[in-house]
C-alpha atoms as a PDB file:
ATOM      1  CA  UNK A   1      37.058  53.492  83.408  1.00  0.00           C
ATOM      2  CA  UNK A   2      37.755  50.574  81.512  1.00  0.00           C
ATOM      3  CA  UNK A   3      34.901  50.508  78.447  1.00  0.00           C
ATOM      4  CA  UNK A   4      33.416  46.841  77.306  1.00  0.00           C
ATOM      5  CA  UNK A   5      34.924  45.497  74.447  1.00  0.00           C
ATOM      6  CA  UNK A   6      32.774  45.656  71.373  1.00  0.00           C
ATOM      7  CA  UNK A   7      30.163  42.483  71.184  1.00  0.00           C
ATOM      8  CA  UNK A   8      30.992  39.781  69.360  1.00  0.00           C
ATOM      9  CA  UNK A   9      29.595  39.214  65.740  1.00  0.00           C
ATOM     10  CA  UNK A  10      29.969  38.807  61.833  1.00  0.00           C
ATOM     11  CA  UNK A  11      32.342  41.461  61.015  1.00  0.00           C
ATOM     12  CA  UNK A  12      31.950  43.271  57.469  1.00  0.00           C
ATOM     13  CA  UNK A  13      34.583  44.098  55.230  1.00  0.00           C
ATOM     14  CA  UNK A  14      35.551  44.368  51.507  1.00  0.00           C
ATOM     15  CA  UNK A  15      35.646  40.918  48.992  1.00  0.00           C
ATOM     16  CA  UNK A  16      38.066  42.036  46.194  1.00  0.00           C
ATOM     17  CA  UNK A  17      37.339  40.023  42.990  1.00  0.00           C
ATOM     18  CA  UNK A  18      41.007  38.164  44.064  1.00  0.00           C
ATOM     19  CA  UNK A  19      39.496  36.580  46.722  1.00  0.00           C
ATOM     20  CA  UNK A  20      36.822  35.065  45.161  1.00  0.00           C
ATOM     21  CA  UNK A  21      37.318  31.110  44.232  1.00  0.00           C
ATOM     22  CA  UNK A  22      38.572  29.923  41.194  1.00  0.00           C
ATOM     23  CA  UNK A  23      35.276  28.101  40.842  1.00  0.00           C
ATOM     24  CA  UNK A  24      33.027  31.203  41.455  1.00  0.00           C
ATOM     25  CA  UNK A  25      35.168  32.889  39.538  1.00  0.00           C
ATOM     26  CA  UNK A  26      35.165  30.542  36.299  1.00  0.00           C
ATOM     27  CA  UNK A  27      31.302  30.308  36.469  1.00  0.00           C
ATOM     28  CA  UNK A  28      30.958  34.286  37.006  1.00  0.00           C
ATOM     29  CA  UNK A  29      32.680  34.495  33.550  1.00  0.00           C
ATOM     30  CA  UNK A  30      31.150  31.813  31.893  1.00  0.00           C
ATOM     31  CA  UNK A  31      28.109  32.715  32.180  1.00  0.00           C
ATOM     32  CA  UNK A  32      28.694  36.649  31.632  1.00  0.00           C
ATOM     33  CA  UNK A  33      30.588  36.156  28.107  1.00  0.00           C
ATOM     34  CA  UNK A  34      28.577  33.040  27.144  1.00  0.00           C
ATOM     35  CA  UNK A  35      26.610  34.248  23.306  1.00  0.00           C
ATOM     36  CA  UNK A  36      24.439  32.373  20.743  1.00  0.00           C
ATOM     37  CA  UNK A  37      25.835  32.434  17.329  1.00  0.00           C
ATOM     38  CA  UNK A  38      23.051  32.944  14.912  1.00  0.00           C
ATOM     39  CA  UNK A  39      23.767  30.873  11.410  1.00  0.00           C
ATOM     40  CA  UNK A  40      24.174  32.771   8.431  1.00  0.00           C
ATOM     41  CA  UNK A  41      21.651  34.220   6.723  1.00  0.00           C
ATOM     42  CA  UNK A  42      21.025  33.151   2.817  1.00  0.00           C
ATOM     43  CA  UNK A  43      20.864  36.332   0.073  1.00  0.00           C
ATOM     44  CA  UNK A  44      17.168  35.846  -0.605  1.00  0.00           C
ATOM     45  CA  UNK A  45      17.571  35.756  -3.997  1.00  0.00           C
ATOM     46  CA  UNK A  46      19.510  32.439  -4.043  1.00  0.00           C
ATOM     47  CA  UNK A  47      18.373  28.716  -3.203  1.00  0.00           C
ATOM     48  CA  UNK A  48      19.833  27.688   0.843  1.00  0.00           C
ATOM     49  CA  UNK A  49      22.911  25.713   0.452  1.00  0.00           C
ATOM     50  CA  UNK A  50      20.455  22.445   1.008  1.00  0.00           C
ATOM     51  CA  UNK A  51      18.397  23.412  -1.986  1.00  0.00           C
ATOM     52  CA  UNK A  52      21.749  23.972  -4.180  1.00  0.00           C
ATOM     53  CA  UNK A  53      22.735  20.829  -2.921  1.00  0.00           C
ATOM     54  CA  UNK A  54      19.826  19.363  -4.016  1.00  0.00           C
ATOM     55  CA  UNK A  55      19.303  21.146  -7.311  1.00  0.00           C
ATOM     56  CA  UNK A  56      22.774  20.274  -8.627  1.00  0.00           C
ATOM     57  CA  UNK A  57      21.353  16.353  -8.998  1.00  0.00           C
ATOM     58  CA  UNK A  58      19.955  17.065 -12.098  1.00  0.00           C
ATOM     59  CA  UNK A  59      22.507  18.690 -14.181  1.00  0.00           C
ATOM     60  CA  UNK A  60      25.280  15.776 -12.613  1.00  0.00           C
ATOM     61  CA  UNK A  61      22.465  13.106 -13.831  1.00  0.00           C
ATOM     62  CA  UNK A  62      22.177  14.838 -17.395  1.00  0.00           C
ATOM     63  CA  UNK A  63      26.082  14.865 -17.833  1.00  0.00           C
ATOM     64  CA  UNK A  64      26.598  11.412 -16.504  1.00  0.00           C
ATOM     65  CA  UNK A  65      24.231  10.045 -18.437  1.00  0.00           C
ATOM     66  CA  UNK A  66      25.513  12.270 -21.418  1.00  0.00           C
ATOM     67  CA  UNK A  67      28.855  10.346 -21.024  1.00  0.00           C
ATOM     68  CA  UNK A  68      27.657   6.980 -20.236  1.00  0.00           C
ATOM     69  CA  UNK A  69      25.844   7.514 -24.003  1.00  0.00           C
ATOM     70  CA  UNK A  70      29.214   8.374 -25.489  1.00  0.00           C
ATOM     71  CA  UNK A  71      30.960   5.537 -23.674  1.00  0.00           C
ATOM     72  CA  UNK A  72      28.983   2.801 -23.537  1.00  0.00           C
ATOM     73  CA  UNK A  73      29.571   0.298 -26.665  1.00  0.00           C
ATOM     74  CA  UNK A  74      25.825  -0.981 -26.821  1.00  0.00           C
ATOM     75  CA  UNK A  75      24.811   2.794 -26.870  1.00  0.00           C
ATOM     76  CA  UNK A  76      26.936   3.799 -29.792  1.00  0.00           C
ATOM     77  CA  UNK A  77      26.524   0.530 -31.581  1.00  0.00           C
ATOM     78  CA  UNK A  78      22.681   1.688 -31.686  1.00  0.00           C
ATOM     79  CA  UNK A  79      21.869   4.587 -34.453  1.00  0.00           C
ATOM     80  CA  UNK A  80      20.202   7.418 -32.884  1.00  0.00           C
ATOM     81  CA  UNK A  81      17.049   8.809 -34.571  1.00  0.00           C
ATOM     82  CA  UNK A  82      16.447  12.189 -34.968  1.00  0.00           C
ATOM     83  CA  UNK A  83      12.738  11.818 -36.009  1.00  0.00           C
ATOM     84  CA  UNK A  84      11.686   9.731 -32.329  1.00  0.00           C
ATOM     85  CA  UNK A  85      14.807  11.376 -30.591  1.00  0.00           C
ATOM     86  CA  UNK A  86      16.254   8.216 -29.391  1.00  0.00           C
ATOM     87  CA  UNK A  87      17.930   4.780 -29.775  1.00  0.00           C
ATOM     88  CA  UNK A  88      15.012   2.843 -29.964  1.00  0.00           C
ATOM     89  CA  UNK A  89      15.532   0.394 -32.413  1.00  0.00           C
ATOM     90  CA  UNK A  90      12.457  -1.865 -31.175  1.00  0.00           C
ATOM     91  CA  UNK A  91      14.355  -5.382 -29.854  1.00  0.00           C
ATOM     92  CA  UNK A  92      17.774  -4.787 -30.647  1.00  0.00           C
ATOM     93  CA  UNK A  93      17.590  -1.400 -28.375  1.00  0.00           C
ATOM     94  CA  UNK A  94      20.578  -1.360 -26.074  1.00  0.00           C
ATOM     95  CA  UNK A  95      18.628  -0.991 -23.323  1.00  0.00           C
ATOM     96  CA  UNK A  96      14.555  -1.899 -22.280  1.00  0.00           C
ATOM     97  CA  UNK A  97      15.027   1.677 -21.189  1.00  0.00           C
ATOM     98  CA  UNK A  98      15.625   2.625 -24.793  1.00  0.00           C
ATOM     99  CA  UNK A  99      12.428   1.472 -26.016  1.00  0.00           C
ATOM    100  CA  UNK A 100       9.432   4.096 -25.906  1.00  0.00           C
ATOM    101  CA  UNK A 101       7.134   1.172 -24.995  1.00  0.00           C
ATOM    102  CA  UNK A 102       8.660   0.224 -21.727  1.00  0.00           C
ATOM    103  CA  UNK A 103       6.325   0.402 -18.951  1.00  0.00           C
ATOM    104  CA  UNK A 104       7.971   2.922 -16.423  1.00  0.00           C
ATOM    105  CA  UNK A 105       7.759   5.236 -19.702  1.00  0.00           C
ATOM    106  CA  UNK A 106       4.536   4.323 -20.541  1.00  0.00           C
ATOM    107  CA  UNK A 107       2.382   4.001 -16.999  1.00  0.00           C
ATOM    108  CA  UNK A 108       4.594   6.848 -15.102  1.00  0.00           C
ATOM    109  CA  UNK A 109       5.992   9.600 -17.009  1.00  0.00           C
ATOM    110  CA  UNK A 110       3.917   9.334 -19.992  1.00  0.00           C
ATOM    111  CA  UNK A 111       1.350   9.791 -16.404  1.00  0.00           C
ATOM    112  CA  UNK A 112       3.667  11.848 -14.597  1.00  0.00           C
ATOM    113  CA  UNK A 113       1.522  14.807 -13.933  1.00  0.00           C
ATOM    114  CA  UNK A 114      -0.963  12.670 -12.405  1.00  0.00           C
ATOM    115  CA  UNK A 115       1.501  10.390 -10.113  1.00  0.00           C
ATOM    116  CA  UNK A 116       2.872  14.144  -8.880  1.00  0.00           C
ATOM    117  CA  UNK A 117      -0.095  15.324  -8.309  1.00  0.00           C
ATOM    118  CA  UNK A 118      -1.522  12.174  -6.255  1.00  0.00           C
ATOM    119  CA  UNK A 119       1.316  12.196  -3.855  1.00  0.00           C
ATOM    120  CA  UNK A 120       1.285  15.669  -3.428  1.00  0.00           C
ATOM    121  CA  UNK A 121      -2.299  16.355  -2.024  1.00  0.00           C
ATOM    122  CA  UNK A 122      -1.667  12.640  -0.368  1.00  0.00           C
ATOM    123  CA  UNK A 123       1.053  14.246   1.783  1.00  0.00           C
ATOM    124  CA  UNK A 124      -0.529  17.841   2.258  1.00  0.00           C
ATOM    125  CA  UNK A 125      -4.015  16.253   3.868  1.00  0.00           C
ATOM    126  CA  UNK A 126      -2.544  13.586   5.774  1.00  0.00           C
ATOM    127  CA  UNK A 127       0.299  14.991   7.669  1.00  0.00           C
ATOM    128  CA  UNK A 128       0.226  16.741  10.742  1.00  0.00           C
ATOM    129  CA  UNK A 129       2.160  19.371  10.648  1.00  0.00           C
ATOM    130  CA  UNK A 130       0.121  20.805   7.714  1.00  0.00           C
ATOM    131  CA  UNK A 131      -2.606  20.962  10.164  1.00  0.00           C
ATOM    132  CA  UNK A 132      -4.051  24.752   9.493  1.00  0.00           C
ATOM    133  CA  UNK A 133      -6.605  25.268   6.328  1.00  0.00           C
ATOM    134  CA  UNK A 134      -4.052  28.831   5.522  1.00  0.00           C
ATOM    135  CA  UNK A 135      -1.498  26.309   5.155  1.00  0.00           C
ATOM    136  CA  UNK A 136      -3.449  23.757   2.779  1.00  0.00           C
ATOM    137  CA  UNK A 137      -4.823  26.759   1.023  1.00  0.00           C
ATOM    138  CA  UNK A 138      -1.361  28.184   0.083  1.00  0.00           C
ATOM    139  CA  UNK A 139       0.578  24.726  -0.748  1.00  0.00           C
ATOM    140  CA  UNK A 140      -2.660  23.973  -3.030  1.00  0.00           C
ATOM    141  CA  UNK A 141      -2.109  27.585  -5.042  1.00  0.00           C
ATOM    142  CA  UNK A 142       1.639  26.499  -5.520  1.00  0.00           C
ATOM    143  CA  UNK A 143       0.431  23.049  -7.212  1.00  0.00           C
ATOM    144  CA  UNK A 144      -1.857  25.394  -9.471  1.00  0.00           C
ATOM    145  CA  UNK A 145       1.110  28.107 -10.252  1.00  0.00           C
ATOM    146  CA  UNK A 146       3.441  24.598 -10.806  1.00  0.00           C
ATOM    147  CA  UNK A 147       0.355  22.681 -12.916  1.00  0.00           C
ATOM    148  CA  UNK A 148       0.541  25.784 -14.813  1.00  0.00           C
ATOM    149  CA  UNK A 149       3.833  26.025 -15.875  1.00  0.00           C
ATOM    150  CA  UNK A 150       3.413  22.384 -16.986  1.00  0.00           C
ATOM    151  CA  UNK A 151       0.553  22.727 -19.103  1.00  0.00           C
ATOM    152  CA  UNK A 152       1.778  26.225 -20.679  1.00  0.00           C
ATOM    153  CA  UNK A 153       4.642  24.178 -21.451  1.00  0.00           C
ATOM    154  CA  UNK A 154       3.466  21.465 -22.561  1.00  0.00           C
ATOM    155  CA  UNK A 155      -0.038  21.250 -23.222  1.00  0.00           C
ATOM    156  CA  UNK A 156      -1.374  24.848 -24.150  1.00  0.00           C
ATOM    157  CA  UNK A 157      -0.557  28.157 -24.474  1.00  0.00           C
ATOM    158  CA  UNK A 158      -3.339  30.068 -25.745  1.00  0.00           C
ATOM    159  CA  UNK A 159      -2.930  27.368 -28.667  1.00  0.00           C
ATOM    160  CA  UNK A 160       0.169  25.563 -29.090  1.00  0.00           C
ATOM    161  CA  UNK A 161       2.549  24.756 -26.062  1.00  0.00           C
ATOM    162  CA  UNK A 162       5.194  26.784 -25.386  1.00  0.00           C
ATOM    163  CA  UNK A 163       7.639  23.544 -26.400  1.00  0.00           C
ATOM    164  CA  UNK A 164       5.379  23.641 -29.973  1.00  0.00           C
ATOM    165  CA  UNK A 165       5.595  27.124 -30.458  1.00  0.00           C
ATOM    166  CA  UNK A 166       9.258  27.054 -29.794  1.00  0.00           C
ATOM    167  CA  UNK A 167       9.821  24.137 -32.264  1.00  0.00           C
ATOM    168  CA  UNK A 168       7.766  25.975 -35.082  1.00  0.00           C
ATOM    169  CA  UNK A 169       9.958  29.242 -33.943  1.00  0.00           C
ATOM    170  CA  UNK A 170      13.308  27.943 -35.070  1.00  0.00           C
ATOM    171  CA  UNK A 171      11.929  26.445 -38.455  1.00  0.00           C
ATOM    172  CA  UNK A 172      10.224  22.832 -37.069  1.00  0.00           C
ATOM    173  CA  UNK A 173       7.362  21.397 -39.138  1.00  0.00           C
ATOM    174  CA  UNK A 174       5.145  18.487 -39.606  1.00  0.00           C
ATOM    175  CA  UNK A 175       7.346  16.414 -42.489  1.00  0.00           C
ATOM    176  CA  UNK A 176       4.417  14.128 -43.694  1.00  0.00           C
ATOM    177  CA  UNK A 177       1.580  16.227 -43.488  1.00  0.00           C
ATOM    178  CA  UNK A 178       3.564  19.288 -45.251  1.00  0.00           C
ATOM    179  CA  UNK A 179       4.732  17.119 -47.793  1.00  0.00           C
ATOM    180  CA  UNK A 180       0.413  16.128 -48.517  1.00  0.00           C
ATOM    181  CA  UNK A 181      -0.283  19.544 -48.692  1.00  0.00           C
ATOM    182  CA  UNK A 182       0.560  22.455 -51.320  1.00  0.00           C
ATOM    183  CA  UNK A 183       1.941  25.488 -50.280  1.00  0.00           C
ATOM    184  CA  UNK A 184      -1.265  27.571 -51.461  1.00  0.00           C
ATOM    185  CA  UNK A 185      -3.179  25.173 -49.612  1.00  0.00           C
ATOM    186  CA  UNK A 186      -1.600  25.262 -46.277  1.00  0.00           C
ATOM    187  CA  UNK A 187      -1.070  29.138 -46.768  1.00  0.00           C
ATOM    188  CA  UNK A 188      -4.742  29.128 -47.242  1.00  0.00           C
ATOM    189  CA  UNK A 189      -5.693  26.744 -44.387  1.00  0.00           C
ATOM    190  CA  UNK A 190      -2.912  27.922 -42.059  1.00  0.00           C
ATOM    191  CA  UNK A 191      -1.665  24.502 -41.563  1.00  0.00           C
ATOM    192  CA  UNK A 192       1.889  25.881 -40.284  1.00  0.00           C
ATOM    193  CA  UNK A 193       0.259  28.053 -37.422  1.00  0.00           C
ATOM    194  CA  UNK A 194      -2.048  25.620 -35.794  1.00  0.00           C
ATOM    195  CA  UNK A 195      -0.154  22.555 -36.009  1.00  0.00           C
ATOM    196  CA  UNK A 196       0.920  20.906 -32.563  1.00  0.00           C
ATOM    197  CA  UNK A 197       2.791  17.676 -31.552  1.00  0.00           C
ATOM    198  CA  UNK A 198       0.137  16.040 -31.129  1.00  0.00           C
ATOM    199  CA  UNK A 199      -1.649  16.701 -34.335  1.00  0.00           C
ATOM    200  CA  UNK A 200       1.174  16.015 -36.116  1.00  0.00           C
ATOM    201  CA  UNK A 201       1.455  12.568 -34.670  1.00  0.00           C
ATOM    202  CA  UNK A 202      -2.382  11.786 -35.193  1.00  0.00           C
ATOM    203  CA  UNK A 203      -1.880  12.888 -38.771  1.00  0.00           C
ATOM    204  CA  UNK A 204       0.805  10.134 -39.196  1.00  0.00           C
ATOM    205  CA  UNK A 205       3.636  12.877 -39.254  1.00  0.00           C
ATOM    206  CA  UNK A 206       6.693  13.634 -37.833  1.00  0.00           C
ATOM    207  CA  UNK A 207       8.196  17.001 -36.204  1.00  0.00           C
ATOM    208  CA  UNK A 208      11.311  18.007 -38.262  1.00  0.00           C
ATOM    209  CA  UNK A 209      13.594  20.564 -38.869  1.00  0.00           C
ATOM    210  CA  UNK A 210      13.497  22.801 -34.996  1.00  0.00           C
ATOM    211  CA  UNK A 211      14.460  22.675 -31.676  1.00  0.00           C
ATOM    212  CA  UNK A 212      12.423  20.450 -29.526  1.00  0.00           C
ATOM    213  CA  UNK A 213      12.218  21.131 -25.725  1.00  0.00           C
ATOM    214  CA  UNK A 214      12.821  18.168 -24.050  1.00  0.00           C
ATOM    215  CA  UNK A 215       9.396  17.199 -22.306  1.00  0.00           C
ATOM    216  CA  UNK A 216      10.413  14.445 -20.113  1.00  0.00           C
ATOM    217  CA  UNK A 217      13.738  16.298 -18.472  1.00  0.00           C
ATOM    218  CA  UNK A 218      11.105  19.310 -17.899  1.00  0.00           C
ATOM    219  CA  UNK A 219       8.309  17.315 -16.344  1.00  0.00           C
ATOM    220  CA  UNK A 220      11.051  14.789 -14.060  1.00  0.00           C
ATOM    221  CA  UNK A 221      12.751  18.209 -12.673  1.00  0.00           C
ATOM    222  CA  UNK A 222       9.999  20.231 -12.389  1.00  0.00           C
ATOM    223  CA  UNK A 223       7.306  17.431 -10.613  1.00  0.00           C
ATOM    224  CA  UNK A 224      10.485  15.592  -8.666  1.00  0.00           C
ATOM    225  CA  UNK A 225      12.077  18.923  -7.425  1.00  0.00           C
ATOM    226  CA  UNK A 226       8.130  21.024  -6.666  1.00  0.00           C
ATOM    227  CA  UNK A 227       8.119  17.508  -4.568  1.00  0.00           C
ATOM    228  CA  UNK A 228      11.344  17.966  -2.851  1.00  0.00           C
ATOM    229  CA  UNK A 229      10.384  21.592  -1.997  1.00  0.00           C
ATOM    230  CA  UNK A 230       6.986  20.849  -0.611  1.00  0.00           C
ATOM    231  CA  UNK A 231       7.640  17.781   1.347  1.00  0.00           C
ATOM    232  CA  UNK A 232      11.245  18.431   2.600  1.00  0.00           C
ATOM    233  CA  UNK A 233      10.731  22.159   3.796  1.00  0.00           C
ATOM    234  CA  UNK A 234       7.701  20.007   6.280  1.00  0.00           C
ATOM    235  CA  UNK A 235       9.352  17.174   7.413  1.00  0.00           C
ATOM    236  CA  UNK A 236      13.047  18.722   7.874  1.00  0.00           C
ATOM    237  CA  UNK A 237      11.456  21.765  10.145  1.00  0.00           C
ATOM    238  CA  UNK A 238       8.979  18.753  11.833  1.00  0.00           C
ATOM    239  CA  UNK A 239      11.582  16.603  12.995  1.00  0.00           C
ATOM    240  CA  UNK A 240      13.778  19.356  13.098  1.00  0.00           C
ATOM    241  CA  UNK A 241      16.216  17.874  10.612  1.00  0.00           C
ATOM    242  CA  UNK A 242      16.940  21.054   8.534  1.00  0.00           C
ATOM    243  CA  UNK A 243      18.774  23.362  10.591  1.00  0.00           C
ATOM    244  CA  UNK A 244      19.167  26.337   8.210  1.00  0.00           C
ATOM    245  CA  UNK A 245      16.584  28.953   7.539  1.00  0.00           C
ATOM    246  CA  UNK A 246      15.221  30.967   4.176  1.00  0.00           C
ATOM    247  CA  UNK A 247      16.072  34.503   4.105  1.00  0.00           C
ATOM    248  CA  UNK A 248      12.585  36.242   3.214  1.00  0.00           C
ATOM    249  CA  UNK A 249      12.681  40.519   2.335  1.00  0.00           C
ATOM    250  CA  UNK A 250       9.816  41.810   4.785  1.00  0.00           C
ATOM    251  CA  UNK A 251       7.469  44.821   3.404  1.00  0.00           C
ATOM    252  CA  UNK A 252       9.803  47.398   5.136  1.00  0.00           C
ATOM    253  CA  UNK A 253      13.149  45.818   2.843  1.00  0.00           C
ATOM    254  CA  UNK A 254      14.643  43.941   6.302  1.00  0.00           C
ATOM    255  CA  UNK A 255      15.914  40.690   5.783  1.00  0.00           C
ATOM    256  CA  UNK A 256      14.554  38.181   7.957  1.00  0.00           C
ATOM    257  CA  UNK A 257      14.157  34.655   8.568  1.00  0.00           C
ATOM    258  CA  UNK A 258      11.204  33.027   6.868  1.00  0.00           C
ATOM    259  CA  UNK A 259       9.922  31.973   9.973  1.00  0.00           C
ATOM    260  CA  UNK A 260       9.536  35.604  11.430  1.00  0.00           C
ATOM    261  CA  UNK A 261       5.959  35.633   9.468  1.00  0.00           C
ATOM    262  CA  UNK A 262       4.739  33.148  11.630  1.00  0.00           C
ATOM    263  CA  UNK A 263       2.902  33.523  15.028  1.00  0.00           C
ATOM    264  CA  UNK A 264       4.975  32.583  17.793  1.00  0.00           C
ATOM    265  CA  UNK A 265       2.841  30.185  19.628  1.00  0.00           C
ATOM    266  CA  UNK A 266       1.866  28.337  16.022  1.00  0.00           C
ATOM    267  CA  UNK A 267       5.508  27.849  15.124  1.00  0.00           C
ATOM    268  CA  UNK A 268       6.444  26.695  18.602  1.00  0.00           C
ATOM    269  CA  UNK A 269       3.253  24.466  18.637  1.00  0.00           C
ATOM    270  CA  UNK A 270       4.331  22.796  15.519  1.00  0.00           C
ATOM    271  CA  UNK A 271       7.951  22.298  15.831  1.00  0.00           C
ATOM    272  CA  UNK A 272       7.567  20.353  19.421  1.00  0.00           C
ATOM    273  CA  UNK A 273       4.502  18.387  17.791  1.00  0.00           C
ATOM    274  CA  UNK A 274       7.290  16.411  15.841  1.00  0.00           C
ATOM    275  CA  UNK A 275      10.110  16.679  18.219  1.00  0.00           C
ATOM    276  CA  UNK A 276      12.023  13.361  18.220  1.00  0.00           C
ATOM    277  CA  UNK A 277      10.298  11.673  15.321  1.00  0.00           C
ATOM    278  CA  UNK A 278      13.002  10.142  13.173  1.00  0.00           C
ATOM    279  CA  UNK A 279      12.931  11.372   8.942  1.00  0.00           C
ATOM    280  CA  UNK A 280      11.186   8.196   8.129  1.00  0.00           C
ATOM    281  CA  UNK A 281       8.655   8.483  10.779  1.00  0.00           C
ATOM    282  CA  UNK A 282       8.481  12.242  10.332  1.00  0.00           C
ATOM    283  CA  UNK A 283       7.486  11.330   6.333  1.00  0.00           C
ATOM    284  CA  UNK A 284       4.598   9.498   7.058  1.00  0.00           C
ATOM    285  CA  UNK A 285       2.370   7.964   4.697  1.00  0.00           C
ATOM    286  CA  UNK A 286       1.886  10.671   1.990  1.00  0.00           C
ATOM    287  CA  UNK A 287       5.671  11.602   2.431  1.00  0.00           C
ATOM    288  CA  UNK A 288       6.505   8.013   1.395  1.00  0.00           C
ATOM    289  CA  UNK A 289       4.802   7.756  -1.213  1.00  0.00           C
ATOM    290  CA  UNK A 290       6.110  11.141  -2.637  1.00  0.00           C
ATOM    291  CA  UNK A 291       9.563   9.871  -1.938  1.00  0.00           C
ATOM    292  CA  UNK A 292       8.929   6.422  -4.223  1.00  0.00           C
ATOM    293  CA  UNK A 293       7.725   9.077  -6.886  1.00  0.00           C
ATOM    294  CA  UNK A 294      10.947  11.438  -6.671  1.00  0.00           C
ATOM    295  CA  UNK A 295      13.122   8.158  -6.845  1.00  0.00           C
ATOM    296  CA  UNK A 296      11.002   7.449 -10.019  1.00  0.00           C
ATOM    297  CA  UNK A 297      11.486  10.753 -11.479  1.00  0.00           C
ATOM    298  CA  UNK A 298      15.494  10.687 -11.183  1.00  0.00           C
ATOM    299  CA  UNK A 299      15.955   7.302 -12.178  1.00  0.00           C
ATOM    300  CA  UNK A 300      13.397   8.414 -15.668  1.00  0.00           C
ATOM    301  CA  UNK A 301      15.743  11.327 -16.041  1.00  0.00           C
ATOM    302  CA  UNK A 302      18.894   9.356 -15.636  1.00  0.00           C
ATOM    303  CA  UNK A 303      17.141   7.101 -18.307  1.00  0.00           C
ATOM    304  CA  UNK A 304      16.846   9.528 -20.591  1.00  0.00           C
ATOM    305  CA  UNK A 305      19.564  11.753 -20.245  1.00  0.00           C
ATOM    306  CA  UNK A 306      21.672   8.284 -21.871  1.00  0.00           C
ATOM    307  CA  UNK A 307      19.085   7.324 -24.773  1.00  0.00           C
ATOM    308  CA  UNK A 308      16.309  10.072 -25.457  1.00  0.00           C
ATOM    309  CA  UNK A 309      17.170  13.661 -26.546  1.00  0.00           C
ATOM    310  CA  UNK A 310      19.998  15.898 -27.834  1.00  0.00           C
ATOM    311  CA  UNK A 311      22.217  17.396 -24.953  1.00  0.00           C
ATOM    312  CA  UNK A 312      21.303  20.511 -26.122  1.00  0.00           C
ATOM    313  CA  UNK A 313      17.301  19.556 -26.092  1.00  0.00           C
ATOM    314  CA  UNK A 314      17.734  17.856 -22.603  1.00  0.00           C
ATOM    315  CA  UNK A 315      19.378  21.343 -21.186  1.00  0.00           C
ATOM    316  CA  UNK A 316      16.725  23.663 -22.571  1.00  0.00           C
ATOM    317  CA  UNK A 317      14.276  21.460 -20.506  1.00  0.00           C
ATOM    318  CA  UNK A 318      16.182  21.911 -17.648  1.00  0.00           C
ATOM    319  CA  UNK A 319      16.347  25.221 -17.967  1.00  0.00           C
ATOM    320  CA  UNK A 320      12.873  25.942 -18.559  1.00  0.00           C
ATOM    321  CA  UNK A 321      12.057  23.605 -15.404  1.00  0.00           C
ATOM    322  CA  UNK A 322      14.506  25.725 -13.342  1.00  0.00           C
ATOM    323  CA  UNK A 323      13.144  28.907 -14.519  1.00  0.00           C
ATOM    324  CA  UNK A 324       9.655  27.301 -13.088  1.00  0.00           C
ATOM    325  CA  UNK A 325      10.775  26.299 -10.125  1.00  0.00           C
ATOM    326  CA  UNK A 326      12.778  29.886  -9.644  1.00  0.00           C
ATOM    327  CA  UNK A 327       9.571  32.036  -9.949  1.00  0.00           C
ATOM    328  CA  UNK A 328       7.710  29.964  -7.378  1.00  0.00           C
ATOM    329  CA  UNK A 329       9.522  28.973  -4.468  1.00  0.00           C
ATOM    330  CA  UNK A 330      12.660  31.805  -4.679  1.00  0.00           C
ATOM    331  CA  UNK A 331      11.015  34.616  -6.049  1.00  0.00           C
ATOM    332  CA  UNK A 332       8.406  34.951  -3.323  1.00  0.00           C
ATOM    333  CA  UNK A 333      11.359  35.262  -0.567  1.00  0.00           C
ATOM    334  CA  UNK A 334      11.842  38.541  -2.130  1.00  0.00           C
ATOM    335  CA  UNK A 335       8.309  40.146  -3.431  1.00  0.00           C
ATOM    336  CA  UNK A 336       5.982  39.991  -0.075  1.00  0.00           C
ATOM    337  CA  UNK A 337       2.949  40.906  -1.536  1.00  0.00           C
ATOM    338  CA  UNK A 338       3.395  37.440  -3.661  1.00  0.00           C
ATOM    339  CA  UNK A 339       4.145  35.214  -0.746  1.00  0.00           C
ATOM    340  CA  UNK A 340       1.377  36.614   0.888  1.00  0.00           C
ATOM    341  CA  UNK A 341      -0.593  35.009  -1.701  1.00  0.00           C
ATOM    342  CA  UNK A 342       1.345  31.542  -2.042  1.00  0.00           C
ATOM    343  CA  UNK A 343       3.167  31.333   1.219  1.00  0.00           C
ATOM    344  CA  UNK A 344       6.217  29.240   1.773  1.00  0.00           C
ATOM    345  CA  UNK A 345       6.178  25.636   1.988  1.00  0.00           C
ATOM    346  CA  UNK A 346       6.660  24.689   5.974  1.00  0.00           C
ATOM    347  CA  UNK A 347       5.453  27.820   7.483  1.00  0.00           C
END
């Protein structure tokens, strides 16, 4: 008796990888091997590459200004006056910017911290990326820290400012006043210990004999870099122009990106709000004012490098400013307790 043939239908068979079509193999392989490579993490003790590039502008401006002063016939033909620390020769000055009474010096540099403060607060209270009270409070604390540096160095440090103390420590004195007061009287009233640059000037005297840290260089570097930090990180992350991340040391000693301390929902909400905006649009009105102030600071720093102070006075002004900036913006990345108080720009 013949058995009926097995019912027709789809038969099961083993499919080997080699029998797959080339396209399906390619999709399988590519999907299994695709990985994302994280950018190399920066040393938290050092500035990021972008920060380092911006910081390098300051010594380059000072170096260029120094060489320009040496090579320029107009500057060389104008005698440098160590008492006024300038090439100011009145109407015979080598440039309008060599005069201490030029409008940019009188209206901008002499009131520099006021301009810097105005542009900073205009930015943080108008830019949509600085939206929480915690961000505004920590930004204000950072401004207070940097302002304290400016006060201590140029205005008052439990008596005379650091610049004045350094000048007298290196042998400086008020030339005219010392000539008018006998050594006995000077010892009685303690003139040598209490005199400041402002008091000396009001008495008709001039600083003479010591090392004078360049207050112009200190102010212009400190103020402009302060604005670059506060505005740059906020706008850079807002419009996704800056891709690099600052490394921070966590409480357990681990090194992570700075955004690890931000709530995930808040972080991505903020990034989405600025997506698609250009840099100029992302700056906002406050950011544009801050950029203008930074540009004027850079120009006046160059003028200072060409026409005012010796190279060593300018170098010490730069180093003191960089010290203040390091303690405010780099040191907190390594000290979680400090970072919890003053925070980081753009976070």
